[in-house]
Amino acid sequence: MKHLLEMRNLSIDLFRGKKLPPVKLVEGVDIDIDKKQNFGVVGESGCGKSITCSTLMGLLSFPLSVGEGSSLRFLREDGTESELTSLSRAEMRKIRGKEISMIFQEPMTALDPMYTIEDQINETLRFHTDMTRAQMHEAALEMLRKVKIPRAAEILKDYPHHLSGGMLQRVMIAIALINNPRLLIADEPTTALDVTIQAQILDLMNDLRESYDTSVIMITHDLGVIAETCEEVAVFYAGQVIEQASVDAIFHEAAHPYTAGLLRSVTSLGGAQKTLYAIRGTVPTAGNFSAGCRFAERCEYCQERCRKEAPPLAVIAPGHTCRCWLHPAQKEGTA
């Protein structure tokens, strides 16, 4: 297995009853994550970013399920390969929090208000290690210091509501990294923070990634975060990956009209244009996708073919794939 994680033809189904076919919230996602790689996942709210990564943690629950033919192959710490979609709940619990960890979007709701910070850090140590209570205390103390929390010994005794948003996010990072995971999923880790604290958290995550040799999947709608932290990025739209390339290629050679629209909405703030650019229309809801390109109704380059035929994700340049009929490379074969 060449990569740390190999995602193939991933789909996520929404059950609608025995008489109706399931709605595919996510469809045909192919992504590879290398060791020690920072990989970005970007797109509008509701495009399938978070739910795709929640699948890696085994966090889907009824009426959601992994679609038939989906594959999530993960390279374990001991060198063996695991198909995450076929693991039992007990087997998945051994991986979750140990080899794959996640930083959730809202730390205030992700942490339990009834338990101290130390109790919540120790929970994952208690499940995945044989440490004594004294050893867990020292490990938690050391981890808080690594994420640059002042007065670490006092903070361990505090409850979540005693801390600011920035401090809580540092605690979430500490919990996620304390077992030295191979893969860390960060779901919009800076959304609820002000700009100054956001920059501190991103710098902290970059430093810790180098220290822990951990691969990171950064889920965000903020292209600035992608530019600062990631090496490669997949752009999601309506449950599909519509473009994937290195960060430099995405920012300087964006191929899909949707990606270009996202970039224009950012760069227009600092340019001569005083009106904020916005992509026209709205994202289609799951179950109401057209037979052709899912972006067709909002695309200024839409052609008749776009409305009738769904474009495949195809290689348009080395390391650069795009799902759009505008590029002649589509005719030469899909990715």
C-alpha atoms as a PDB file:
ATOM      1  CA  MET A   1       0.000   0.000   0.000  1.00  0.00           C
ATOM      2  CA  LYS A   2       1.653   3.223  -1.213  1.00  0.00           C
ATOM      3  CA  HIS A   3      -0.394   5.696   0.821  1.00  0.00           C
ATOM      4  CA  LEU A   4      -1.487   6.103   4.424  1.00  0.00           C
ATOM      5  CA  LEU A   5      -5.129   6.275   3.317  1.00  0.00           C
ATOM      6  CA  GLU A   6      -6.710   5.259   0.018  1.00  0.00           C
ATOM      7  CA  MET A   7     -10.315   6.345  -0.506  1.00  0.00           C
ATOM      8  CA  ARG A   8     -11.974   4.734  -3.524  1.00  0.00           C
ATOM      9  CA  ASN A   9     -15.441   5.352  -4.963  1.00  0.00           C
ATOM     10  CA  LEU A  10     -16.744   6.523  -1.594  1.00  0.00           C
ATOM     11  CA  SER A  11     -20.458   7.198  -1.482  1.00  0.00           C
ATOM     12  CA  ILE A  12     -22.688   8.007   1.475  1.00  0.00           C
ATOM     13  CA  ASP A  13     -26.349   7.052   1.258  1.00  0.00           C
ATOM     14  CA  LEU A  14     -29.352   8.577   3.011  1.00  0.00           C
ATOM     15  CA  PHE A  15     -32.026   5.944   3.641  1.00  0.00           C
ATOM     16  CA  ARG A  16     -35.525   7.118   2.645  1.00  0.00           C
ATOM     17  CA  GLY A  17     -37.564   3.996   3.302  1.00  0.00           C
ATOM     18  CA  LYS A  18     -37.909   0.570   1.727  1.00  0.00           C
ATOM     19  CA  LYS A  19     -39.874   1.806  -1.295  1.00  0.00           C
ATOM     20  CA  LEU A  20     -37.538   4.632  -2.292  1.00  0.00           C
ATOM     21  CA  PRO A  21     -33.903   4.455  -3.426  1.00  0.00           C
ATOM     22  CA  PRO A  22     -31.392   6.090  -1.091  1.00  0.00           C
ATOM     23  CA  VAL A  23     -30.181   9.614  -1.794  1.00  0.00           C
ATOM     24  CA  LYS A  24     -26.443   9.817  -2.400  1.00  0.00           C
ATOM     25  CA  LEU A  25     -25.147  12.698  -0.292  1.00  0.00           C
ATOM     26  CA  VAL A  26     -21.568  11.964  -1.393  1.00  0.00           C
ATOM     27  CA  GLU A  27     -20.670  10.080  -4.567  1.00  0.00           C
ATOM     28  CA  GLY A  28     -17.551   8.730  -6.290  1.00  0.00           C
ATOM     29  CA  VAL A  29     -14.873  10.266  -4.058  1.00  0.00           C
ATOM     30  CA  ASP A  30     -11.304   9.060  -4.746  1.00  0.00           C
ATOM     31  CA  ILE A  31      -8.600  10.573  -2.512  1.00  0.00           C
ATOM     32  CA  ASP A  32      -5.127   9.429  -1.433  1.00  0.00           C
ATOM     33  CA  ILE A  33      -3.467  10.760   1.721  1.00  0.00           C
ATOM     34  CA  ASP A  34       0.302  10.312   1.999  1.00  0.00           C
ATOM     35  CA  LYS A  35       2.318  10.016   5.183  1.00  0.00           C
ATOM     36  CA  LYS A  36       3.088  13.382   6.817  1.00  0.00           C
ATOM     37  CA  GLN A  37       0.902  15.203   4.286  1.00  0.00           C
ATOM     38  CA  ASN A  38      -1.335  18.205   4.891  1.00  0.00           C
ATOM     39  CA  PHE A  39      -4.379  17.671   2.673  1.00  0.00           C
ATOM     40  CA  GLY A  40      -7.112  20.292   2.317  1.00  0.00           C
ATOM     41  CA  VAL A  41     -10.809  19.712   1.673  1.00  0.00           C
ATOM     42  CA  VAL A  42     -12.661  22.885   0.692  1.00  0.00           C
ATOM     43  CA  GLY A  43     -16.185  23.761  -0.401  1.00  0.00           C
ATOM     44  CA  GLU A  44     -19.440  25.440   0.609  1.00  0.00           C
ATOM     45  CA  SER A  45     -21.502  24.335   3.591  1.00  0.00           C
ATOM     46  CA  GLY A  46     -23.436  21.166   2.814  1.00  0.00           C
ATOM     47  CA  CYS A  47     -21.130  19.999   0.014  1.00  0.00           C
ATOM     48  CA  GLY A  48     -20.115  16.779   1.790  1.00  0.00           C
ATOM     49  CA  LYS A  49     -16.759  17.734   3.354  1.00  0.00           C
ATOM     50  CA  SER A  50     -17.420  16.919   6.993  1.00  0.00           C
ATOM     51  CA  ILE A  51     -19.596  13.879   6.399  1.00  0.00           C
ATOM     52  CA  THR A  52     -16.892  12.339   4.197  1.00  0.00           C
ATOM     53  CA  CYS A  53     -14.296  12.669   6.930  1.00  0.00           C
ATOM     54  CA  SER A  54     -16.712  11.541   9.641  1.00  0.00           C
ATOM     55  CA  THR A  55     -16.946   8.289   7.694  1.00  0.00           C
ATOM     56  CA  LEU A  56     -13.223   7.740   8.308  1.00  0.00           C
ATOM     57  CA  MET A  57     -13.922   7.853  12.039  1.00  0.00           C
ATOM     58  CA  GLY A  58     -16.834   5.416  11.788  1.00  0.00           C
ATOM     59  CA  LEU A  59     -19.233   8.097  13.010  1.00  0.00           C
ATOM     60  CA  LEU A  60     -22.076   7.599  10.517  1.00  0.00           C
ATOM     61  CA  SER A  61     -25.370   6.521  12.070  1.00  0.00           C
ATOM     62  CA  PHE A  62     -28.790   5.633  10.687  1.00  0.00           C
ATOM     63  CA  PRO A  63     -30.258   6.822   8.330  1.00  0.00           C
ATOM     64  CA  LEU A  64     -26.772   7.382   6.854  1.00  0.00           C
ATOM     65  CA  SER A  65     -24.594   4.536   5.593  1.00  0.00           C
ATOM     66  CA  VAL A  66     -21.545   3.889   3.440  1.00  0.00           C
ATOM     67  CA  GLY A  67     -22.630   3.052  -0.110  1.00  0.00           C
ATOM     68  CA  GLU A  68     -22.001  -0.253  -1.830  1.00  0.00           C
ATOM     69  CA  GLY A  69     -18.632  -0.490  -3.581  1.00  0.00           C
ATOM     70  CA  SER A  70     -16.970   2.075  -1.318  1.00  0.00           C
ATOM     71  CA  SER A  71     -13.469   1.395  -0.040  1.00  0.00           C
ATOM     72  CA  LEU A  72     -11.410   3.070   2.708  1.00  0.00           C
ATOM     73  CA  ARG A  73      -8.034   1.368   3.066  1.00  0.00           C
ATOM     74  CA  PHE A  74      -5.861   2.521   5.969  1.00  0.00           C
ATOM     75  CA  LEU A  75      -2.243   1.632   6.717  1.00  0.00           C
ATOM     76  CA  ARG A  76      -2.063   0.709  10.403  1.00  0.00           C
ATOM     77  CA  GLU A  77       0.709   1.460  12.848  1.00  0.00           C
ATOM     78  CA  ASP A  78       1.905  -2.161  12.753  1.00  0.00           C
ATOM     79  CA  GLY A  79       2.216  -2.108   8.948  1.00  0.00           C
ATOM     80  CA  THR A  80      -0.989  -4.020   8.213  1.00  0.00           C
ATOM     81  CA  GLU A  81      -3.803  -2.697   6.016  1.00  0.00           C
ATOM     82  CA  SER A  82      -7.401  -2.340   7.217  1.00  0.00           C
ATOM     83  CA  GLU A  83     -10.563  -1.825   5.186  1.00  0.00           C
ATOM     84  CA  LEU A  84     -12.331   0.652   7.459  1.00  0.00           C
ATOM     85  CA  THR A  85     -15.757   0.064   5.893  1.00  0.00           C
ATOM     86  CA  SER A  86     -15.740  -3.609   6.943  1.00  0.00           C
ATOM     87  CA  LEU A  87     -14.489  -3.254  10.534  1.00  0.00           C
ATOM     88  CA  SER A  88     -16.797  -4.036  13.442  1.00  0.00           C
ATOM     89  CA  ARG A  89     -17.682  -1.295  15.927  1.00  0.00           C
ATOM     90  CA  ALA A  90     -15.275  -2.776  18.474  1.00  0.00           C
ATOM     91  CA  GLU A  91     -12.421  -2.835  15.954  1.00  0.00           C
ATOM     92  CA  MET A  92     -13.188   0.718  14.853  1.00  0.00           C
ATOM     93  CA  ARG A  93     -13.078   1.935  18.462  1.00  0.00           C
ATOM     94  CA  LYS A  94      -9.489   0.674  18.707  1.00  0.00           C
ATOM     95  CA  ILE A  95      -8.516   2.905  15.768  1.00  0.00           C
ATOM     96  CA  ARG A  96     -10.645   5.951  16.635  1.00  0.00           C
ATOM     97  CA  GLY A  97      -8.728   8.278  18.952  1.00  0.00           C
ATOM     98  CA  LYS A  98      -5.568   6.187  18.646  1.00  0.00           C
ATOM     99  CA  GLU A  99      -4.553   5.984  14.973  1.00  0.00           C
ATOM    100  CA  ILE A 100      -7.178   8.354  13.526  1.00  0.00           C
ATOM    101  CA  SER A 101      -8.221  11.397  15.576  1.00  0.00           C
ATOM    102  CA  MET A 102     -10.505  14.332  14.882  1.00  0.00           C
ATOM    103  CA  ILE A 103     -10.697  17.957  16.001  1.00  0.00           C
ATOM    104  CA  PHE A 104     -14.332  18.982  15.866  1.00  0.00           C
ATOM    105  CA  GLN A 105     -15.721  22.291  14.658  1.00  0.00           C
ATOM    106  CA  GLU A 106     -17.222  23.596  17.909  1.00  0.00           C
ATOM    107  CA  PRO A 107     -15.052  22.818  20.958  1.00  0.00           C
ATOM    108  CA  MET A 108     -17.684  24.132  23.364  1.00  0.00           C
ATOM    109  CA  THR A 109     -20.179  21.509  22.213  1.00  0.00           C
ATOM    110  CA  ALA A 110     -17.608  18.755  21.601  1.00  0.00           C
ATOM    111  CA  LEU A 111     -16.396  18.806  25.220  1.00  0.00           C
ATOM    112  CA  ASP A 112     -18.579  17.558  28.082  1.00  0.00           C
ATOM    113  CA  PRO A 113     -19.431  20.385  30.525  1.00  0.00           C
ATOM    114  CA  MET A 114     -19.785  17.900  33.404  1.00  0.00           C
ATOM    115  CA  TYR A 115     -16.154  16.744  33.417  1.00  0.00           C
ATOM    116  CA  THR A 116     -12.847  18.506  34.011  1.00  0.00           C
ATOM    117  CA  ILE A 117     -10.304  18.986  31.246  1.00  0.00           C
ATOM    118  CA  GLU A 118      -8.099  16.314  32.827  1.00  0.00           C
ATOM    119  CA  ASP A 119     -10.953  13.786  32.915  1.00  0.00           C
ATOM    120  CA  GLN A 120     -11.622  14.326  29.225  1.00  0.00           C
ATOM    121  CA  ILE A 121      -7.967  14.011  28.206  1.00  0.00           C
ATOM    122  CA  ASN A 122      -7.578  10.910  30.369  1.00  0.00           C
ATOM    123  CA  GLU A 123     -10.598   9.228  28.784  1.00  0.00           C
ATOM    124  CA  THR A 124      -8.741   8.505  25.555  1.00  0.00           C
ATOM    125  CA  LEU A 125      -5.594   7.439  27.441  1.00  0.00           C
ATOM    126  CA  ARG A 126      -7.621   5.099  29.632  1.00  0.00           C
ATOM    127  CA  PHE A 127      -9.142   3.392  26.599  1.00  0.00           C
ATOM    128  CA  HIS A 128      -6.011   3.075  24.457  1.00  0.00           C
ATOM    129  CA  THR A 129      -3.157   2.689  26.983  1.00  0.00           C
ATOM    130  CA  ASP A 130      -2.269   0.885  30.231  1.00  0.00           C
ATOM    131  CA  MET A 131      -1.108   4.018  32.032  1.00  0.00           C
ATOM    132  CA  THR A 132      -1.641   4.482  35.754  1.00  0.00           C
ATOM    133  CA  ARG A 133      -3.586   7.509  36.976  1.00  0.00           C
ATOM    134  CA  ALA A 134      -0.329   9.271  37.875  1.00  0.00           C
ATOM    135  CA  GLN A 135       1.123   8.582  34.421  1.00  0.00           C
ATOM    136  CA  MET A 136      -2.035   9.874  32.735  1.00  0.00           C
ATOM    137  CA  HIS A 137      -1.830  13.056  34.795  1.00  0.00           C
ATOM    138  CA  GLU A 138       1.777  13.653  33.700  1.00  0.00           C
ATOM    139  CA  ALA A 139       0.944  12.879  30.058  1.00  0.00           C
ATOM    140  CA  ALA A 140      -2.014  15.293  30.094  1.00  0.00           C
ATOM    141  CA  LEU A 141       0.089  17.987  31.761  1.00  0.00           C
ATOM    142  CA  GLU A 142       2.871  17.589  29.195  1.00  0.00           C
ATOM    143  CA  MET A 143       0.411  17.670  26.294  1.00  0.00           C
ATOM    144  CA  LEU A 144      -1.182  20.918  27.494  1.00  0.00           C
ATOM    145  CA  ARG A 145       2.266  22.456  27.642  1.00  0.00           C
ATOM    146  CA  LYS A 146       2.982  21.293  24.087  1.00  0.00           C
ATOM    147  CA  VAL A 147      -0.145  23.053  22.815  1.00  0.00           C
ATOM    148  CA  LYS A 148       1.081  26.178  24.634  1.00  0.00           C
ATOM    149  CA  ILE A 149      -1.594  26.427  27.315  1.00  0.00           C
ATOM    150  CA  PRO A 150      -0.364  28.567  30.253  1.00  0.00           C
ATOM    151  CA  ARG A 151      -0.947  27.424  33.836  1.00  0.00           C
ATOM    152  CA  ALA A 152      -1.388  23.866  32.561  1.00  0.00           C
ATOM    153  CA  ALA A 153      -1.680  22.303  36.021  1.00  0.00           C
ATOM    154  CA  GLU A 154      -4.555  24.651  36.935  1.00  0.00           C
ATOM    155  CA  ILE A 155      -6.292  24.263  33.574  1.00  0.00           C
ATOM    156  CA  LEU A 156      -6.466  20.482  34.065  1.00  0.00           C
ATOM    157  CA  LYS A 157      -8.781  21.061  37.029  1.00  0.00           C
ATOM    158  CA  ASP A 158     -11.047  23.475  35.148  1.00  0.00           C
ATOM    159  CA  TYR A 159     -14.302  22.756  33.329  1.00  0.00           C
ATOM    160  CA  PRO A 160     -14.869  23.700  29.665  1.00  0.00           C
ATOM    161  CA  HIS A 161     -17.065  26.709  30.461  1.00  0.00           C
ATOM    162  CA  HIS A 162     -14.173  28.277  32.388  1.00  0.00           C
ATOM    163  CA  LEU A 163     -12.060  28.579  29.223  1.00  0.00           C
ATOM    164  CA  SER A 164     -12.119  30.800  26.140  1.00  0.00           C
ATOM    165  CA  GLY A 165     -12.746  29.485  22.632  1.00  0.00           C
ATOM    166  CA  GLY A 166      -9.050  29.585  21.753  1.00  0.00           C
ATOM    167  CA  MET A 167      -8.081  27.693  24.910  1.00  0.00           C
ATOM    168  CA  LEU A 168     -10.783  25.086  24.299  1.00  0.00           C
ATOM    169  CA  GLN A 169      -9.507  24.535  20.769  1.00  0.00           C
ATOM    170  CA  ARG A 170      -6.021  23.945  22.167  1.00  0.00           C
ATOM    171  CA  VAL A 171      -7.514  21.393  24.567  1.00  0.00           C
ATOM    172  CA  MET A 172      -9.241  19.675  21.620  1.00  0.00           C
ATOM    173  CA  ILE A 173      -5.905  19.526  19.778  1.00  0.00           C
ATOM    174  CA  ALA A 174      -4.268  18.073  22.890  1.00  0.00           C
ATOM    175  CA  ILE A 175      -6.926  15.347  23.151  1.00  0.00           C
ATOM    176  CA  ALA A 176      -6.598  14.529  19.449  1.00  0.00           C
ATOM    177  CA  LEU A 177      -2.792  14.273  19.512  1.00  0.00           C
ATOM    178  CA  ILE A 178      -2.102  12.703  22.894  1.00  0.00           C
ATOM    179  CA  ASN A 179      -2.020   9.179  21.434  1.00  0.00           C
ATOM    180  CA  ASN A 180       0.206  10.266  18.527  1.00  0.00           C
ATOM    181  CA  PRO A 181      -2.261   9.398  15.727  1.00  0.00           C
ATOM    182  CA  ARG A 182      -1.162   8.630  12.184  1.00  0.00           C
ATOM    183  CA  LEU A 183      -4.029  10.691  10.730  1.00  0.00           C
ATOM    184  CA  LEU A 184      -5.609  13.834  12.190  1.00  0.00           C
ATOM    185  CA  ILE A 185      -8.872  15.219  10.805  1.00  0.00           C
ATOM    186  CA  ALA A 186      -9.403  18.909  11.566  1.00  0.00           C
ATOM    187  CA  ASP A 187     -13.008  19.939  10.885  1.00  0.00           C
ATOM    188  CA  GLU A 188     -13.090  23.741  10.543  1.00  0.00           C
ATOM    189  CA  PRO A 189     -10.821  24.104  13.605  1.00  0.00           C
ATOM    190  CA  THR A 190     -10.726  27.917  13.482  1.00  0.00           C
ATOM    191  CA  THR A 191     -14.279  28.830  12.410  1.00  0.00           C
ATOM    192  CA  ALA A 192     -15.473  30.085  15.800  1.00  0.00           C
ATOM    193  CA  LEU A 193     -12.283  31.980  16.647  1.00  0.00           C
ATOM    194  CA  ASP A 194     -11.224  35.564  16.030  1.00  0.00           C
ATOM    195  CA  VAL A 195      -8.503  36.273  13.471  1.00  0.00           C
ATOM    196  CA  THR A 196      -5.622  36.601  15.952  1.00  0.00           C
ATOM    197  CA  ILE A 197      -6.400  33.337  17.746  1.00  0.00           C
ATOM    198  CA  GLN A 198      -7.051  31.647  14.388  1.00  0.00           C
ATOM    199  CA  ALA A 199      -3.510  32.428  13.258  1.00  0.00           C
ATOM    200  CA  GLN A 200      -2.088  31.100  16.525  1.00  0.00           C
ATOM    201  CA  ILE A 201      -4.025  27.820  16.220  1.00  0.00           C
ATOM    202  CA  LEU A 202      -2.905  27.295  12.604  1.00  0.00           C
ATOM    203  CA  ASP A 203       0.734  27.962  13.532  1.00  0.00           C
ATOM    204  CA  LEU A 204       0.392  25.542  16.431  1.00  0.00           C
ATOM    205  CA  MET A 205      -1.048  22.800  14.227  1.00  0.00           C
ATOM    206  CA  ASN A 206       1.753  23.230  11.682  1.00  0.00           C
ATOM    207  CA  ASP A 207       4.387  22.954  14.428  1.00  0.00           C
ATOM    208  CA  LEU A 208       2.775  19.895  16.012  1.00  0.00           C
ATOM    209  CA  ARG A 209       2.397  18.119  12.662  1.00  0.00           C
ATOM    210  CA  GLU A 210       6.164  18.271  12.196  1.00  0.00           C
ATOM    211  CA  SER A 211       6.748  17.033  15.752  1.00  0.00           C
ATOM    212  CA  TYR A 212       4.330  14.113  15.544  1.00  0.00           C
ATOM    213  CA  ASP A 213       4.822  13.002  11.904  1.00  0.00           C
ATOM    214  CA  THR A 214       1.043  13.095  11.555  1.00  0.00           C
ATOM    215  CA  SER A 215      -0.902  13.464   8.306  1.00  0.00           C
ATOM    216  CA  VAL A 216      -3.647  16.096   8.492  1.00  0.00           C
ATOM    217  CA  ILE A 217      -6.927  16.438   6.603  1.00  0.00           C
ATOM    218  CA  MET A 218      -7.947  20.080   6.945  1.00  0.00           C
ATOM    219  CA  ILE A 219     -11.680  20.603   6.293  1.00  0.00           C
ATOM    220  CA  THR A 220     -12.566  24.238   5.704  1.00  0.00           C
ATOM    221  CA  HIS A 221     -14.457  26.731   3.565  1.00  0.00           C
ATOM    222  CA  ASP A 222     -11.653  29.264   4.062  1.00  0.00           C
ATOM    223  CA  LEU A 223      -9.157  29.356   1.194  1.00  0.00           C
ATOM    224  CA  GLY A 224      -6.790  31.378   3.358  1.00  0.00           C
ATOM    225  CA  VAL A 225      -6.496  28.446   5.761  1.00  0.00           C
ATOM    226  CA  ILE A 226      -5.821  26.119   2.816  1.00  0.00           C
ATOM    227  CA  ALA A 227      -3.071  28.397   1.486  1.00  0.00           C
ATOM    228  CA  GLU A 228      -1.381  28.587   4.883  1.00  0.00           C
ATOM    229  CA  THR A 229      -1.478  24.942   5.924  1.00  0.00           C
ATOM    230  CA  CYS A 230      -1.951  22.514   3.001  1.00  0.00           C
ATOM    231  CA  GLU A 231       0.095  20.972   0.208  1.00  0.00           C
ATOM    232  CA  GLU A 232      -2.724  19.461  -1.841  1.00  0.00           C
ATOM    233  CA  VAL A 233      -6.439  20.258  -1.939  1.00  0.00           C
ATOM    234  CA  ALA A 234      -9.675  18.653  -3.105  1.00  0.00           C
ATOM    235  CA  VAL A 235     -12.550  20.997  -3.957  1.00  0.00           C
ATOM    236  CA  PHE A 236     -15.989  19.565  -3.146  1.00  0.00           C
ATOM    237  CA  TYR A 237     -19.262  20.581  -4.753  1.00  0.00           C
ATOM    238  CA  ALA A 238     -22.673  18.932  -4.283  1.00  0.00           C
ATOM    239  CA  GLY A 239     -21.198  15.714  -2.910  1.00  0.00           C
ATOM    240  CA  GLN A 240     -18.455  15.283  -5.520  1.00  0.00           C
ATOM    241  CA  VAL A 241     -14.800  16.195  -5.881  1.00  0.00           C
ATOM    242  CA  ILE A 242     -14.821  18.607  -8.813  1.00  0.00           C
ATOM    243  CA  GLU A 243     -11.119  19.523  -8.786  1.00  0.00           C
ATOM    244  CA  GLN A 244      -7.979  18.266  -7.082  1.00  0.00           C
ATOM    245  CA  ALA A 245      -4.401  19.506  -7.356  1.00  0.00           C
ATOM    246  CA  SER A 246      -1.520  21.011  -5.428  1.00  0.00           C
ATOM    247  CA  VAL A 247      -2.296  24.223  -3.567  1.00  0.00           C
ATOM    248  CA  ASP A 248      -0.147  26.227  -6.002  1.00  0.00           C
ATOM    249  CA  ALA A 249      -2.044  24.818  -8.998  1.00  0.00           C
ATOM    250  CA  ILE A 250      -5.431  25.506  -7.414  1.00  0.00           C
ATOM    251  CA  PHE A 251      -4.543  29.123  -6.629  1.00  0.00           C
ATOM    252  CA  HIS A 252      -2.734  29.940  -9.880  1.00  0.00           C
ATOM    253  CA  GLU A 253      -4.217  27.534 -12.446  1.00  0.00           C
ATOM    254  CA  ALA A 254      -7.760  26.834 -11.237  1.00  0.00           C
ATOM    255  CA  ALA A 255      -9.500  24.782 -13.929  1.00  0.00           C
ATOM    256  CA  HIS A 256     -13.085  24.388 -12.730  1.00  0.00           C
ATOM    257  CA  PRO A 257     -15.417  27.432 -12.920  1.00  0.00           C
ATOM    258  CA  TYR A 258     -16.566  26.754  -9.352  1.00  0.00           C
ATOM    259  CA  THR A 259     -12.999  26.836  -8.005  1.00  0.00           C
ATOM    260  CA  ALA A 260     -12.338  30.011  -9.972  1.00  0.00           C
ATOM    261  CA  GLY A 261     -15.497  31.517  -8.480  1.00  0.00           C
ATOM    262  CA  LEU A 262     -14.354  30.694  -4.946  1.00  0.00           C
ATOM    263  CA  LEU A 263     -11.016  32.392  -5.614  1.00  0.00           C
ATOM    264  CA  ARG A 264     -12.679  35.465  -7.160  1.00  0.00           C
ATOM    265  CA  SER A 265     -14.868  35.877  -4.096  1.00  0.00           C
ATOM    266  CA  VAL A 266     -11.705  36.182  -1.999  1.00  0.00           C
ATOM    267  CA  THR A 267      -9.380  38.153  -4.248  1.00  0.00           C
ATOM    268  CA  SER A 268     -12.054  40.740  -5.079  1.00  0.00           C
ATOM    269  CA  LEU A 269     -11.852  42.021  -1.489  1.00  0.00           C
ATOM    270  CA  GLY A 270      -8.356  43.342  -2.023  1.00  0.00           C
ATOM    271  CA  GLY A 271      -8.685  44.441  -5.640  1.00  0.00           C
ATOM    272  CA  ALA A 272      -9.958  47.514  -7.402  1.00  0.00           C
ATOM    273  CA  GLN A 273     -13.455  46.034  -7.660  1.00  0.00           C
ATOM    274  CA  LYS A 274     -15.554  47.338  -4.772  1.00  0.00           C
ATOM    275  CA  THR A 275     -18.443  44.892  -5.128  1.00  0.00           C
ATOM    276  CA  LEU A 276     -17.933  41.485  -3.538  1.00  0.00           C
ATOM    277  CA  TYR A 277     -18.116  38.749  -6.156  1.00  0.00           C
ATOM    278  CA  ALA A 278     -20.641  35.987  -5.510  1.00  0.00           C
ATOM    279  CA  ILE A 279     -21.377  32.848  -7.503  1.00  0.00           C
ATOM    280  CA  ARG A 280     -24.933  33.140  -8.778  1.00  0.00           C
ATOM    281  CA  GLY A 281     -27.653  30.722  -7.706  1.00  0.00           C
ATOM    282  CA  THR A 282     -27.596  28.159  -4.910  1.00  0.00           C
ATOM    283  CA  VAL A 283     -26.203  24.657  -4.399  1.00  0.00           C
ATOM    284  CA  PRO A 284     -28.717  22.000  -5.540  1.00  0.00           C
ATOM    285  CA  THR A 285     -30.057  19.807  -2.745  1.00  0.00           C
ATOM    286  CA  ALA A 286     -29.236  16.114  -2.587  1.00  0.00           C
ATOM    287  CA  GLY A 287     -31.754  14.104  -4.574  1.00  0.00           C
ATOM    288  CA  ASN A 288     -32.363  16.996  -6.985  1.00  0.00           C
ATOM    289  CA  PHE A 289     -29.150  16.825  -8.967  1.00  0.00           C
ATOM    290  CA  SER A 290     -29.463  17.156 -12.739  1.00  0.00           C
ATOM    291  CA  ALA A 291     -28.386  14.438 -15.158  1.00  0.00           C
ATOM    292  CA  GLY A 292     -25.460  16.576 -16.301  1.00  0.00           C
ATOM    293  CA  CYS A 293     -22.916  18.659 -14.444  1.00  0.00           C
ATOM    294  CA  ARG A 294     -24.122  19.564 -10.958  1.00  0.00           C
ATOM    295  CA  PHE A 295     -22.705  23.072 -11.318  1.00  0.00           C
ATOM    296  CA  ALA A 296     -24.334  23.710 -14.720  1.00  0.00           C
ATOM    297  CA  GLU A 297     -27.163  25.979 -13.512  1.00  0.00           C
ATOM    298  CA  ARG A 298     -24.694  28.317 -11.814  1.00  0.00           C
ATOM    299  CA  CYS A 299     -21.919  28.216 -14.417  1.00  0.00           C
ATOM    300  CA  GLU A 300     -21.317  31.159 -16.756  1.00  0.00           C
ATOM    301  CA  TYR A 301     -19.676  28.805 -19.276  1.00  0.00           C
ATOM    302  CA  CYS A 302     -22.527  26.278 -19.340  1.00  0.00           C
ATOM    303  CA  GLN A 303     -23.138  24.531 -22.677  1.00  0.00           C
ATOM    304  CA  GLU A 304     -25.902  22.196 -23.803  1.00  0.00           C
ATOM    305  CA  ARG A 305     -23.681  19.187 -23.185  1.00  0.00           C
ATOM    306  CA  CYS A 306     -23.147  20.263 -19.589  1.00  0.00           C
ATOM    307  CA  ARG A 307     -26.885  19.942 -18.859  1.00  0.00           C
ATOM    308  CA  LYS A 308     -27.193  16.465 -20.389  1.00  0.00           C
ATOM    309  CA  GLU A 309     -23.925  14.629 -19.638  1.00  0.00           C
ATOM    310  CA  ALA A 310     -22.145  14.370 -16.302  1.00  0.00           C
ATOM    311  CA  PRO A 311     -18.409  15.025 -16.784  1.00  0.00           C
ATOM    312  CA  PRO A 312     -15.983  12.526 -15.235  1.00  0.00           C
ATOM    313  CA  LEU A 313     -13.076  13.532 -13.017  1.00  0.00           C
ATOM    314  CA  ALA A 314     -10.210  13.562 -15.516  1.00  0.00           C
ATOM    315  CA  VAL A 315      -6.503  14.336 -15.571  1.00  0.00           C
ATOM    316  CA  ILE A 316      -5.904  17.705 -17.256  1.00  0.00           C
ATOM    317  CA  ALA A 317      -2.257  18.081 -16.195  1.00  0.00           C
ATOM    318  CA  PRO A 318       0.181  15.993 -14.132  1.00  0.00           C
ATOM    319  CA  GLY A 319      -1.238  15.810 -10.602  1.00  0.00           C
ATOM    320  CA  HIS A 320      -4.253  17.945 -11.554  1.00  0.00           C
ATOM    321  CA  THR A 321      -7.760  16.524 -12.060  1.00  0.00           C
ATOM    322  CA  CYS A 322     -10.971  18.365 -12.918  1.00  0.00           C
ATOM    323  CA  ARG A 323     -14.618  17.471 -13.513  1.00  0.00           C
ATOM    324  CA  CYS A 324     -15.556  19.813 -16.372  1.00  0.00           C
ATOM    325  CA  TRP A 325     -16.307  19.565 -20.119  1.00  0.00           C
ATOM    326  CA  LEU A 326     -14.343  22.761 -20.793  1.00  0.00           C
ATOM    327  CA  HIS A 327     -11.068  20.848 -20.834  1.00  0.00           C
ATOM    328  CA  PRO A 328     -10.165  18.812 -23.946  1.00  0.00           C
ATOM    329  CA  ALA A 329      -8.209  16.333 -21.824  1.00  0.00           C
ATOM    330  CA  GLN A 330     -11.552  14.894 -20.725  1.00  0.00           C
ATOM    331  CA  LYS A 331     -11.757  13.095 -24.066  1.00  0.00           C
ATOM    332  CA  GLU A 332      -8.450  11.313 -23.516  1.00  0.00           C
ATOM    333  CA  GLY A 333      -9.532   9.322 -20.467  1.00  0.00           C
ATOM    334  CA  THR A 334     -10.671   9.787 -16.917  1.00  0.00           C
ATOM    335  CA  ALA A 335      -8.552   9.930 -13.798  1.00  0.00           C
END
